[in-house]
Amino acid sequence: MLRPLFAIENQAREASASERLEIRQKQSVPVLAELRQKLLVWKEQLIPQHPMADAVNYILNHWDGAERFLLGWRGAYR
């Protein structure tokens, strides 16, 4: 699930900061949107005692920080 993000970062490695941001905005946003949707579905499907529920909730609770880190801006794909 995260492999596409690593591929995008690898592609953007030699780009300038502004080019990297453009690449991330065009290519990473759809991947992150799909990931967030999957997490929200899993959150509804998992029982609270399931170990994966803690991980899913942790990621969703820190989503804003992750999106700022990955994209350098407040994404509009919610």
N, C-alpha and C. Protein backbone atom coordinates (compact mmCIF):
# COMPACT_ATOMS: atom_id res chain seq x y z
N MET A 1 0.82 -1.19 0.00
CA MET A 1 0.00 0.00 0.00
C MET A 1 0.86 1.26 0.00
N LEU A 2 2.00 1.21 0.66
CA LEU A 2 2.88 2.38 0.69
C LEU A 2 3.92 2.36 -0.43
N ARG A 3 4.03 1.23 -1.10
CA ARG A 3 5.03 1.10 -2.17
C ARG A 3 4.90 2.20 -3.23
N PRO A 4 3.68 2.56 -3.67
CA PRO A 4 3.57 3.64 -4.66
C PRO A 4 4.15 4.97 -4.15
N LEU A 5 4.00 5.26 -2.87
CA LEU A 5 4.57 6.50 -2.33
C LEU A 5 6.10 6.48 -2.38
N PHE A 6 6.68 5.32 -2.07
CA PHE A 6 8.13 5.20 -2.16
C PHE A 6 8.61 5.36 -3.61
N ALA A 7 7.87 4.81 -4.55
CA ALA A 7 8.22 4.94 -5.97
C ALA A 7 8.15 6.41 -6.41
N ILE A 8 7.14 7.11 -5.95
CA ILE A 8 7.01 8.54 -6.29
C ILE A 8 8.17 9.32 -5.71
N GLU A 9 8.52 9.05 -4.45
CA GLU A 9 9.66 9.74 -3.83
C GLU A 9 10.96 9.42 -4.55
N ASN A 10 11.12 8.19 -4.97
CA ASN A 10 12.32 7.81 -5.72
C ASN A 10 12.40 8.58 -7.03
N GLN A 11 11.27 8.71 -7.69
CA GLN A 11 11.19 9.46 -8.95
C GLN A 11 11.54 10.93 -8.72
N ALA A 12 11.13 11.48 -7.59
CA ALA A 12 11.31 12.91 -7.32
C ALA A 12 12.66 13.23 -6.67
N ARG A 13 13.44 12.23 -6.40
CA ARG A 13 14.69 12.42 -5.64
C ARG A 13 15.61 13.49 -6.23
N GLU A 14 15.78 13.50 -7.52
CA GLU A 14 16.70 14.44 -8.17
C GLU A 14 16.04 15.76 -8.56
N ALA A 15 14.78 15.91 -8.29
CA ALA A 15 14.05 17.12 -8.67
C ALA A 15 14.32 18.25 -7.68
N SER A 16 14.06 19.46 -8.11
CA SER A 16 14.17 20.61 -7.21
C SER A 16 13.02 20.54 -6.21
N ALA A 17 13.09 21.37 -5.18
CA ALA A 17 12.04 21.37 -4.15
C ALA A 17 10.68 21.69 -4.75
N SER A 18 10.62 22.65 -5.64
CA SER A 18 9.33 23.01 -6.24
C SER A 18 8.83 21.90 -7.16
N GLU A 19 9.74 21.25 -7.88
CA GLU A 19 9.33 20.13 -8.74
C GLU A 19 8.87 18.95 -7.90
N ARG A 20 9.55 18.68 -6.78
CA ARG A 20 9.15 17.59 -5.88
C ARG A 20 7.74 17.83 -5.35
N LEU A 21 7.47 19.07 -4.95
CA LEU A 21 6.14 19.40 -4.45
C LEU A 21 5.09 19.17 -5.53
N GLU A 22 5.39 19.58 -6.76
CA GLU A 22 4.44 19.38 -7.86
C GLU A 22 4.21 17.89 -8.12
N ILE A 23 5.28 17.11 -8.11
CA ILE A 23 5.16 15.67 -8.31
C ILE A 23 4.31 15.06 -7.20
N ARG A 24 4.58 15.46 -5.97
CA ARG A 24 3.81 14.93 -4.84
C ARG A 24 2.34 15.30 -4.94
N GLN A 25 2.08 16.54 -5.31
CA GLN A 25 0.69 16.97 -5.41
C GLN A 25 -0.06 16.23 -6.50
N LYS A 26 0.61 15.96 -7.61
CA LYS A 26 -0.05 15.27 -8.72
C LYS A 26 -0.15 13.77 -8.50
N GLN A 27 0.87 13.16 -7.91
CA GLN A 27 0.93 11.71 -7.85
C GLN A 27 0.65 11.14 -6.46
N SER A 28 1.10 11.82 -5.41
CA SER A 28 0.92 11.27 -4.06
C SER A 28 -0.48 11.50 -3.52
N VAL A 29 -1.10 12.59 -3.88
CA VAL A 29 -2.43 12.91 -3.35
C VAL A 29 -3.44 11.79 -3.62
N PRO A 30 -3.51 11.27 -4.86
CA PRO A 30 -4.47 10.18 -5.09
C PRO A 30 -4.14 8.92 -4.27
N VAL A 31 -2.87 8.63 -4.11
CA VAL A 31 -2.46 7.46 -3.32
C VAL A 31 -2.85 7.65 -1.87
N LEU A 32 -2.59 8.84 -1.34
CA LEU A 32 -2.94 9.12 0.06
C LEU A 32 -4.45 9.13 0.26
N ALA A 33 -5.18 9.63 -0.71
CA ALA A 33 -6.64 9.63 -0.60
C ALA A 33 -7.17 8.21 -0.54
N GLU A 34 -6.63 7.33 -1.36
CA GLU A 34 -7.04 5.92 -1.36
C GLU A 34 -6.67 5.26 -0.03
N LEU A 35 -5.49 5.55 0.46
CA LEU A 35 -5.05 4.99 1.75
C LEU A 35 -5.97 5.44 2.87
N ARG A 36 -6.31 6.72 2.89
CA ARG A 36 -7.19 7.24 3.95
C ARG A 36 -8.57 6.59 3.89
N GLN A 37 -9.08 6.40 2.69
CA GLN A 37 -10.39 5.75 2.55
C GLN A 37 -10.34 4.32 3.07
N LYS A 38 -9.27 3.60 2.76
CA LYS A 38 -9.12 2.23 3.25
C LYS A 38 -9.05 2.21 4.77
N LEU A 39 -8.32 3.15 5.34
CA LEU A 39 -8.20 3.22 6.80
C LEU A 39 -9.57 3.49 7.44
N LEU A 40 -10.35 4.38 6.83
CA LEU A 40 -11.68 4.68 7.38
C LEU A 40 -12.59 3.45 7.30
N VAL A 41 -12.50 2.70 6.22
CA VAL A 41 -13.30 1.47 6.10
C VAL A 41 -12.87 0.47 7.15
N TRP A 42 -11.55 0.28 7.29
CA TRP A 42 -11.05 -0.66 8.30
C TRP A 42 -11.47 -0.27 9.70
N LYS A 43 -11.46 1.04 9.96
CA LYS A 43 -11.85 1.52 11.28
C LYS A 43 -13.28 1.07 11.62
N GLU A 44 -14.15 1.11 10.63
CA GLU A 44 -15.54 0.70 10.83
C GLU A 44 -15.68 -0.82 10.95
N GLN A 45 -14.80 -1.55 10.31
CA GLN A 45 -14.92 -3.00 10.27
C GLN A 45 -14.28 -3.70 11.46
N LEU A 46 -13.24 -3.12 12.03
CA LEU A 46 -12.49 -3.77 13.09
C LEU A 46 -13.16 -3.57 14.45
N ILE A 47 -13.13 -4.60 15.26
CA ILE A 47 -13.61 -4.44 16.63
C ILE A 47 -12.55 -3.66 17.41
N PRO A 48 -12.95 -2.87 18.38
CA PRO A 48 -11.99 -2.01 19.11
C PRO A 48 -10.83 -2.78 19.76
N GLN A 49 -11.04 -4.05 20.11
CA GLN A 49 -9.99 -4.81 20.78
C GLN A 49 -8.96 -5.38 19.80
N HIS A 50 -9.23 -5.30 18.52
CA HIS A 50 -8.31 -5.84 17.52
C HIS A 50 -7.02 -5.01 17.51
N PRO A 51 -5.84 -5.65 17.49
CA PRO A 51 -4.59 -4.90 17.47
C PRO A 51 -4.47 -3.93 16.29
N MET A 52 -5.04 -4.31 15.17
CA MET A 52 -4.98 -3.44 13.99
C MET A 52 -5.81 -2.17 14.20
N ALA A 53 -6.84 -2.23 15.03
CA ALA A 53 -7.67 -1.06 15.30
C ALA A 53 -6.84 0.06 15.93
N ASP A 54 -5.93 -0.31 16.83
CA ASP A 54 -5.05 0.70 17.44
C ASP A 54 -4.19 1.38 16.39
N ALA A 55 -3.64 0.58 15.48
CA ALA A 55 -2.78 1.14 14.43
C ALA A 55 -3.57 2.06 13.50
N VAL A 56 -4.74 1.62 13.09
CA VAL A 56 -5.58 2.42 12.20
C VAL A 56 -5.96 3.73 12.87
N ASN A 57 -6.39 3.66 14.11
CA ASN A 57 -6.77 4.88 14.85
C ASN A 57 -5.58 5.81 15.03
N TYR A 58 -4.41 5.26 15.29
CA TYR A 58 -3.21 6.08 15.46
C TYR A 58 -2.92 6.87 14.18
N ILE A 59 -2.94 6.16 13.05
CA ILE A 59 -2.66 6.83 11.77
C ILE A 59 -3.70 7.91 11.49
N LEU A 60 -4.96 7.59 11.67
CA LEU A 60 -6.02 8.58 11.40
C LEU A 60 -5.93 9.77 12.34
N ASN A 61 -5.57 9.52 13.60
CA ASN A 61 -5.43 10.62 14.57
C ASN A 61 -4.26 11.54 14.25
N HIS A 62 -3.29 11.04 13.49
CA HIS A 62 -2.11 11.83 13.13
C HIS A 62 -2.07 12.14 11.64
N TRP A 63 -3.20 12.05 10.98
CA TRP A 63 -3.25 12.22 9.53
C TRP A 63 -2.79 13.61 9.10
N ASP A 64 -3.19 14.65 9.78
CA ASP A 64 -2.81 16.01 9.37
C ASP A 64 -1.30 16.18 9.38
N GLY A 65 -0.65 15.67 10.40
CA GLY A 65 0.80 15.77 10.47
C GLY A 65 1.47 14.97 9.37
N ALA A 66 0.95 13.80 9.09
CA ALA A 66 1.52 12.97 8.03
C ALA A 66 1.36 13.64 6.67
N GLU A 67 0.21 14.24 6.46
CA GLU A 67 -0.02 14.89 5.17
C GLU A 67 0.88 16.12 5.02
N ARG A 68 1.08 16.87 6.07
CA ARG A 68 2.01 18.01 5.99
C ARG A 68 3.42 17.53 5.72
N PHE A 69 3.82 16.46 6.37
CA PHE A 69 5.16 15.93 6.17
C PHE A 69 5.36 15.46 4.73
N LEU A 70 4.40 14.73 4.21
CA LEU A 70 4.54 14.15 2.88
C LEU A 70 4.36 15.16 1.76
N LEU A 71 3.48 16.12 1.95
CA LEU A 71 3.13 17.02 0.87
C LEU A 71 3.56 18.46 1.07
N GLY A 72 3.88 18.82 2.28
CA GLY A 72 4.30 20.19 2.51
C GLY A 72 3.18 21.20 2.41
N TRP A 73 1.93 20.74 2.52
CA TRP A 73 0.78 21.63 2.43
C TRP A 73 -0.42 20.93 3.01
N ARG A 74 -1.50 21.65 3.16
CA ARG A 74 -2.75 21.07 3.67
C ARG A 74 -3.54 20.57 2.47
N GLY A 75 -3.51 19.29 2.25
CA GLY A 75 -4.20 18.69 1.09
C GLY A 75 -5.69 18.88 1.14
N ALA A 76 -6.29 18.83 -0.03
CA ALA A 76 -7.74 19.02 -0.13
C ALA A 76 -8.43 17.77 -0.62
N TYR A 77 -7.95 16.61 -0.20
CA TYR A 77 -8.50 15.36 -0.72
C TYR A 77 -9.32 14.62 0.30
N ARG A 78 -9.76 15.26 1.35
CA ARG A 78 -10.55 14.59 2.39
C ARG A 78 -11.92 14.27 1.92
